[in-house]
Amino acid sequence: MQTSEPEPVLVKKLHSKKPFVALITGAVLVSLILVLMSMYLYNMSGAAQLDLSLPGLQEERIRAQQAKRYDGFNAAGKLDQKAFDQFDELYKKQQADIQKDINGFDSTPLEDGRLGIKVE
């Protein structure tokens, strides 16, 4: 009778390990699927082309880190003629800086007429 008792204990130990192994296997499979989906979205969305941490983009990374100090428009305060003049000056300065760059964008979509702004 002593030979029959160790067998159920051994079978019980094997059955208790199966859910744990299945849980670990399931977690690994779910994480693998999520990583594959995220990499697919990363490549298809165009974010990979903008990623400056890629090894071939050291020059772009250095250029992006050279940020000029920007004195922006004050969000608080009265909207009087002085504020409008200040905004217009800042806007034109930024527009001129962008147009100096060879890779700048076309300012045609930002013209007053296209934006529906009537200037007197």
N, C-alpha and C. Protein backbone atom coordinates (compact mmCIF):
# COMPACT_ATOMS: atom_id res chain seq x y z
N MET A 1 0.80 -1.19 0.00
CA MET A 1 0.00 0.00 0.00
C MET A 1 0.85 1.26 0.00
N GLN A 2 2.06 1.12 0.36
CA GLN A 2 2.91 2.30 0.38
C GLN A 2 3.29 2.73 -1.04
N THR A 3 3.22 1.84 -1.99
CA THR A 3 3.56 2.21 -3.36
C THR A 3 2.46 3.02 -4.03
N SER A 4 1.25 2.91 -3.58
CA SER A 4 0.16 3.64 -4.22
C SER A 4 0.03 5.07 -3.70
N GLU A 5 0.51 5.40 -2.53
CA GLU A 5 0.39 6.74 -1.98
C GLU A 5 1.31 7.77 -2.65
N PRO A 6 2.56 7.44 -2.95
CA PRO A 6 3.41 8.46 -3.59
C PRO A 6 2.91 8.88 -4.98
N GLU A 7 2.24 8.01 -5.66
CA GLU A 7 1.78 8.34 -7.00
C GLU A 7 0.77 9.49 -7.01
N PRO A 8 -0.26 9.52 -6.16
CA PRO A 8 -1.17 10.67 -6.16
C PRO A 8 -0.48 11.98 -5.79
N VAL A 9 0.49 11.93 -4.90
CA VAL A 9 1.21 13.14 -4.53
C VAL A 9 2.00 13.68 -5.73
N LEU A 10 2.62 12.78 -6.48
CA LEU A 10 3.37 13.17 -7.67
C LEU A 10 2.43 13.74 -8.73
N VAL A 11 1.30 13.12 -8.94
CA VAL A 11 0.32 13.61 -9.91
C VAL A 11 -0.22 14.96 -9.47
N LYS A 12 -0.45 15.15 -8.17
CA LYS A 12 -0.95 16.40 -7.65
C LYS A 12 0.06 17.54 -7.88
N LYS A 13 1.36 17.25 -7.70
CA LYS A 13 2.39 18.26 -7.92
C LYS A 13 2.46 18.66 -9.40
N LEU A 14 2.32 17.68 -10.29
CA LEU A 14 2.36 17.98 -11.72
C LEU A 14 1.15 18.83 -12.13
N HIS A 15 -0.02 18.51 -11.59
CA HIS A 15 -1.22 19.29 -11.92
C HIS A 15 -1.14 20.71 -11.38
N SER A 16 -0.49 20.90 -10.26
CA SER A 16 -0.39 22.23 -9.69
C SER A 16 0.58 23.12 -10.47
N LYS A 17 1.50 22.55 -11.21
CA LYS A 17 2.45 23.33 -12.01
C LYS A 17 1.88 23.73 -13.37
N LYS A 18 0.90 22.99 -13.87
CA LYS A 18 0.35 23.28 -15.20
C LYS A 18 -0.30 24.67 -15.28
N PRO A 19 -1.13 25.10 -14.33
CA PRO A 19 -1.70 26.44 -14.46
C PRO A 19 -0.65 27.54 -14.41
N PHE A 20 0.39 27.36 -13.62
CA PHE A 20 1.45 28.36 -13.53
C PHE A 20 2.20 28.46 -14.85
N VAL A 21 2.52 27.33 -15.45
CA VAL A 21 3.23 27.31 -16.73
C VAL A 21 2.33 27.91 -17.81
N ALA A 22 1.03 27.60 -17.77
CA ALA A 22 0.11 28.16 -18.75
C ALA A 22 -0.02 29.67 -18.57
N LEU A 23 -0.02 30.14 -17.34
CA LEU A 23 -0.10 31.57 -17.07
C LEU A 23 1.14 32.30 -17.60
N ILE A 24 2.31 31.77 -17.35
CA ILE A 24 3.56 32.38 -17.84
C ILE A 24 3.59 32.36 -19.37
N THR A 25 3.21 31.23 -19.96
CA THR A 25 3.21 31.12 -21.42
C THR A 25 2.21 32.11 -22.02
N GLY A 26 1.05 32.22 -21.43
CA GLY A 26 0.06 33.18 -21.91
C GLY A 26 0.54 34.61 -21.81
N ALA A 27 1.18 34.95 -20.69
CA ALA A 27 1.70 36.31 -20.52
C ALA A 27 2.77 36.63 -21.56
N VAL A 28 3.64 35.68 -21.85
CA VAL A 28 4.68 35.89 -22.86
C VAL A 28 4.06 36.06 -24.24
N LEU A 29 3.06 35.25 -24.54
CA LEU A 29 2.41 35.36 -25.86
C LEU A 29 1.67 36.69 -26.01
N VAL A 30 0.96 37.12 -24.97
CA VAL A 30 0.25 38.40 -25.04
C VAL A 30 1.24 39.55 -25.20
N SER A 31 2.33 39.52 -24.46
CA SER A 31 3.31 40.60 -24.59
C SER A 31 3.97 40.59 -25.96
N LEU A 32 4.23 39.43 -26.51
CA LEU A 32 4.81 39.33 -27.84
C LEU A 32 3.85 39.90 -28.89
N ILE A 33 2.58 39.58 -28.78
CA ILE A 33 1.59 40.10 -29.72
C ILE A 33 1.49 41.62 -29.60
N LEU A 34 1.49 42.15 -28.38
CA LEU A 34 1.40 43.60 -28.19
C LEU A 34 2.63 44.33 -28.73
N VAL A 35 3.80 43.74 -28.54
CA VAL A 35 5.03 44.36 -29.07
C VAL A 35 5.01 44.35 -30.59
N LEU A 36 4.58 43.26 -31.19
CA LEU A 36 4.51 43.21 -32.65
C LEU A 36 3.50 44.22 -33.19
N MET A 37 2.36 44.36 -32.52
CA MET A 37 1.37 45.35 -32.96
C MET A 37 1.91 46.77 -32.82
N SER A 38 2.60 47.05 -31.72
CA SER A 38 3.12 48.41 -31.53
C SER A 38 4.22 48.72 -32.53
N MET A 39 5.06 47.75 -32.85
CA MET A 39 6.10 47.99 -33.86
C MET A 39 5.49 48.22 -35.24
N TYR A 40 4.43 47.48 -35.54
CA TYR A 40 3.74 47.68 -36.81
C TYR A 40 3.17 49.09 -36.89
N LEU A 41 2.50 49.53 -35.82
CA LEU A 41 1.94 50.88 -35.80
C LEU A 41 3.03 51.94 -35.84
N TYR A 42 4.14 51.69 -35.17
CA TYR A 42 5.28 52.62 -35.16
C TYR A 42 5.81 52.83 -36.57
N ASN A 43 5.92 51.77 -37.32
CA ASN A 43 6.44 51.88 -38.69
C ASN A 43 5.40 52.44 -39.65
N MET A 44 4.15 52.03 -39.51
CA MET A 44 3.12 52.46 -40.46
C MET A 44 2.66 53.89 -40.22
N SER A 45 2.77 54.39 -39.01
CA SER A 45 2.30 55.75 -38.71
C SER A 45 3.28 56.82 -39.15
N GLY A 46 4.50 56.45 -39.46
CA GLY A 46 5.49 57.44 -39.85
C GLY A 46 6.34 57.92 -38.69
N ALA A 47 6.08 57.44 -37.49
CA ALA A 47 6.86 57.86 -36.33
C ALA A 47 8.31 57.38 -36.43
N ALA A 48 8.54 56.29 -37.13
CA ALA A 48 9.90 55.80 -37.28
C ALA A 48 10.75 56.78 -38.08
N GLN A 49 10.13 57.47 -39.03
CA GLN A 49 10.88 58.44 -39.83
C GLN A 49 11.20 59.69 -39.02
N LEU A 50 10.44 59.96 -37.97
CA LEU A 50 10.66 61.15 -37.15
C LEU A 50 11.52 60.87 -35.93
N ASP A 51 11.86 59.63 -35.70
CA ASP A 51 12.58 59.24 -34.50
C ASP A 51 14.04 59.67 -34.61
N LEU A 52 14.41 60.68 -33.84
CA LEU A 52 15.78 61.20 -33.89
C LEU A 52 16.76 60.38 -33.09
N SER A 53 16.31 59.31 -32.45
CA SER A 53 17.23 58.47 -31.71
C SER A 53 17.86 57.41 -32.59
N LEU A 54 17.46 57.33 -33.85
CA LEU A 54 18.05 56.35 -34.75
C LEU A 54 19.51 56.70 -35.02
N PRO A 55 20.35 55.69 -35.18
CA PRO A 55 21.80 55.95 -35.32
C PRO A 55 22.18 56.83 -36.50
N GLY A 56 21.46 56.79 -37.59
CA GLY A 56 21.83 57.57 -38.76
C GLY A 56 21.45 59.03 -38.69
N LEU A 57 20.85 59.47 -37.62
CA LEU A 57 20.34 60.84 -37.55
C LEU A 57 21.06 61.70 -36.50
N GLN A 58 22.36 61.48 -36.32
CA GLN A 58 23.10 62.26 -35.33
C GLN A 58 23.10 63.74 -35.69
N GLU A 59 23.28 64.05 -36.96
CA GLU A 59 23.34 65.45 -37.39
C GLU A 59 22.00 66.14 -37.14
N GLU A 60 20.90 65.45 -37.45
CA GLU A 60 19.57 66.01 -37.23
C GLU A 60 19.31 66.21 -35.73
N ARG A 61 19.78 65.27 -34.92
CA ARG A 61 19.58 65.36 -33.48
C ARG A 61 20.31 66.56 -32.92
N ILE A 62 21.53 66.81 -33.39
CA ILE A 62 22.32 67.95 -32.92
C ILE A 62 21.63 69.25 -33.33
N ARG A 63 21.12 69.28 -34.57
CA ARG A 63 20.44 70.48 -35.05
C ARG A 63 19.15 70.74 -34.28
N ALA A 64 18.45 69.67 -33.92
CA ALA A 64 17.19 69.82 -33.18
C ALA A 64 17.43 70.28 -31.74
N GLN A 65 18.58 69.96 -31.19
CA GLN A 65 18.88 70.35 -29.82
C GLN A 65 19.33 71.80 -29.71
N GLN A 66 19.68 72.42 -30.82
CA GLN A 66 20.12 73.80 -30.80
C GLN A 66 18.90 74.71 -30.88
N ALA A 67 18.19 74.79 -29.81
CA ALA A 67 16.97 75.59 -29.79
C ALA A 67 17.29 77.05 -29.49
N LYS A 68 16.70 77.92 -30.29
CA LYS A 68 16.85 79.34 -30.03
C LYS A 68 15.86 79.74 -28.95
N ARG A 69 16.20 80.79 -28.24
CA ARG A 69 15.28 81.30 -27.23
C ARG A 69 14.14 82.00 -27.96
N TYR A 70 12.93 81.66 -27.56
CA TYR A 70 11.76 82.23 -28.22
C TYR A 70 10.97 83.04 -27.20
N ASP A 71 10.87 84.34 -27.46
CA ASP A 71 10.04 85.19 -26.62
C ASP A 71 8.65 85.19 -27.22
N GLY A 72 7.79 84.39 -26.63
CA GLY A 72 6.45 84.23 -27.18
C GLY A 72 5.51 85.35 -26.77
N PHE A 73 4.34 85.25 -27.30
CA PHE A 73 3.29 86.21 -27.03
C PHE A 73 2.72 85.92 -25.66
N ASN A 74 2.52 86.97 -24.88
CA ASN A 74 2.00 86.83 -23.53
C ASN A 74 0.53 86.42 -23.59
N ALA A 75 0.18 85.34 -22.93
CA ALA A 75 -1.19 84.83 -22.96
C ALA A 75 -2.12 85.60 -22.04
N ALA A 76 -1.57 86.35 -21.11
CA ALA A 76 -2.40 87.11 -20.18
C ALA A 76 -2.27 88.60 -20.51
N GLY A 77 -3.30 89.33 -20.25
CA GLY A 77 -3.25 90.78 -20.47
C GLY A 77 -4.36 91.24 -21.38
N LYS A 78 -4.39 92.53 -21.59
CA LYS A 78 -5.42 93.14 -22.43
C LYS A 78 -5.09 92.94 -23.90
N LEU A 79 -6.15 92.84 -24.69
CA LEU A 79 -5.98 92.77 -26.14
C LEU A 79 -6.24 94.16 -26.72
N ASP A 80 -5.22 94.97 -26.67
CA ASP A 80 -5.32 96.31 -27.23
C ASP A 80 -4.43 96.39 -28.47
N GLN A 81 -4.30 97.56 -29.02
CA GLN A 81 -3.51 97.73 -30.24
C GLN A 81 -2.04 97.38 -30.01
N LYS A 82 -1.55 97.69 -28.81
CA LYS A 82 -0.16 97.36 -28.49
C LYS A 82 0.06 95.84 -28.52
N ALA A 83 -0.89 95.07 -27.99
CA ALA A 83 -0.78 93.61 -27.99
C ALA A 83 -0.85 93.08 -29.41
N PHE A 84 -1.75 93.64 -30.24
CA PHE A 84 -1.85 93.20 -31.62
C PHE A 84 -0.57 93.50 -32.40
N ASP A 85 0.01 94.66 -32.16
CA ASP A 85 1.27 95.02 -32.82
C ASP A 85 2.40 94.09 -32.39
N GLN A 86 2.43 93.78 -31.10
CA GLN A 86 3.47 92.86 -30.60
C GLN A 86 3.32 91.48 -31.24
N PHE A 87 2.09 91.00 -31.31
CA PHE A 87 1.85 89.70 -31.93
C PHE A 87 2.24 89.70 -33.40
N ASP A 88 1.87 90.75 -34.10
CA ASP A 88 2.19 90.86 -35.52
C ASP A 88 3.70 90.88 -35.74
N GLU A 89 4.41 91.59 -34.87
CA GLU A 89 5.88 91.64 -34.97
C GLU A 89 6.49 90.25 -34.73
N LEU A 90 6.03 89.56 -33.70
CA LEU A 90 6.54 88.22 -33.42
C LEU A 90 6.21 87.25 -34.55
N TYR A 91 5.01 87.36 -35.10
CA TYR A 91 4.58 86.49 -36.19
C TYR A 91 5.45 86.70 -37.42
N LYS A 92 5.66 87.95 -37.79
CA LYS A 92 6.47 88.24 -38.97
C LYS A 92 7.92 87.81 -38.79
N LYS A 93 8.44 87.95 -37.57
CA LYS A 93 9.81 87.52 -37.29
C LYS A 93 9.94 86.00 -37.44
N GLN A 94 8.97 85.26 -36.90
CA GLN A 94 9.00 83.80 -37.04
C GLN A 94 8.83 83.38 -38.49
N GLN A 95 7.97 84.07 -39.20
CA GLN A 95 7.74 83.76 -40.61
C GLN A 95 9.01 84.00 -41.42
N ALA A 96 9.71 85.07 -41.12
CA ALA A 96 10.96 85.37 -41.84
C ALA A 96 12.02 84.32 -41.53
N ASP A 97 12.09 83.88 -40.28
CA ASP A 97 13.07 82.84 -39.92
C ASP A 97 12.78 81.54 -40.65
N ILE A 98 11.52 81.20 -40.77
CA ILE A 98 11.14 79.96 -41.45
C ILE A 98 11.45 80.06 -42.94
N GLN A 99 11.19 81.20 -43.54
CA GLN A 99 11.42 81.36 -44.97
C GLN A 99 12.91 81.41 -45.30
N LYS A 100 13.75 81.76 -44.33
CA LYS A 100 15.20 81.75 -44.57
C LYS A 100 15.71 80.32 -44.73
N ASP A 101 15.09 79.41 -44.03
CA ASP A 101 15.51 78.01 -44.07
C ASP A 101 15.17 77.43 -45.44
N ILE A 102 16.09 76.69 -46.00
CA ILE A 102 15.88 76.08 -47.32
C ILE A 102 14.72 75.08 -47.26
N ASN A 103 14.62 74.37 -46.17
CA ASN A 103 13.57 73.37 -46.03
C ASN A 103 12.33 73.94 -45.36
N GLY A 104 12.16 75.23 -45.35
CA GLY A 104 10.99 75.85 -44.74
C GLY A 104 9.74 75.52 -45.53
N PHE A 105 8.62 75.96 -45.03
CA PHE A 105 7.37 75.65 -45.72
C PHE A 105 6.86 76.86 -46.48
N ASP A 106 5.96 76.60 -47.39
CA ASP A 106 5.35 77.65 -48.21
C ASP A 106 4.36 78.41 -47.35
N SER A 107 4.47 79.73 -47.33
CA SER A 107 3.61 80.54 -46.47
C SER A 107 2.28 80.88 -47.13
N THR A 108 2.04 80.42 -48.33
CA THR A 108 0.79 80.74 -49.03
C THR A 108 -0.45 80.34 -48.23
N PRO A 109 -0.51 79.16 -47.62
CA PRO A 109 -1.70 78.81 -46.84
C PRO A 109 -1.90 79.70 -45.62
N LEU A 110 -0.88 80.43 -45.19
CA LEU A 110 -1.00 81.29 -44.02
C LEU A 110 -1.25 82.75 -44.37
N GLU A 111 -1.48 83.04 -45.62
CA GLU A 111 -1.74 84.42 -45.99
C GLU A 111 -3.09 84.86 -45.44
N ASP A 112 -3.22 86.14 -45.21
CA ASP A 112 -4.43 86.68 -44.58
C ASP A 112 -5.69 86.32 -45.35
N GLY A 113 -5.66 86.41 -46.66
CA GLY A 113 -6.83 86.12 -47.47
C GLY A 113 -7.27 84.66 -47.36
N ARG A 114 -6.33 83.76 -47.36
CA ARG A 114 -6.65 82.34 -47.23
C ARG A 114 -7.21 82.00 -45.87
N LEU A 115 -6.76 82.69 -44.84
CA LEU A 115 -7.24 82.43 -43.49
C LEU A 115 -8.55 83.18 -43.19
N GLY A 116 -8.98 83.99 -44.12
CA GLY A 116 -10.22 84.72 -43.93
C GLY A 116 -10.05 85.95 -43.05
N ILE A 117 -8.84 86.49 -43.00
CA ILE A 117 -8.57 87.67 -42.19
C ILE A 117 -8.62 88.89 -43.11
N LYS A 118 -9.44 89.83 -42.73
CA LYS A 118 -9.54 91.06 -43.52
C LYS A 118 -8.70 92.13 -42.87
N VAL A 119 -7.73 92.64 -43.62
CA VAL A 119 -6.83 93.67 -43.11
C VAL A 119 -7.25 95.00 -43.69
N GLU A 120 -7.43 95.96 -42.81
CA GLU A 120 -7.86 97.30 -43.28
C GLU A 120 -6.68 98.19 -43.52
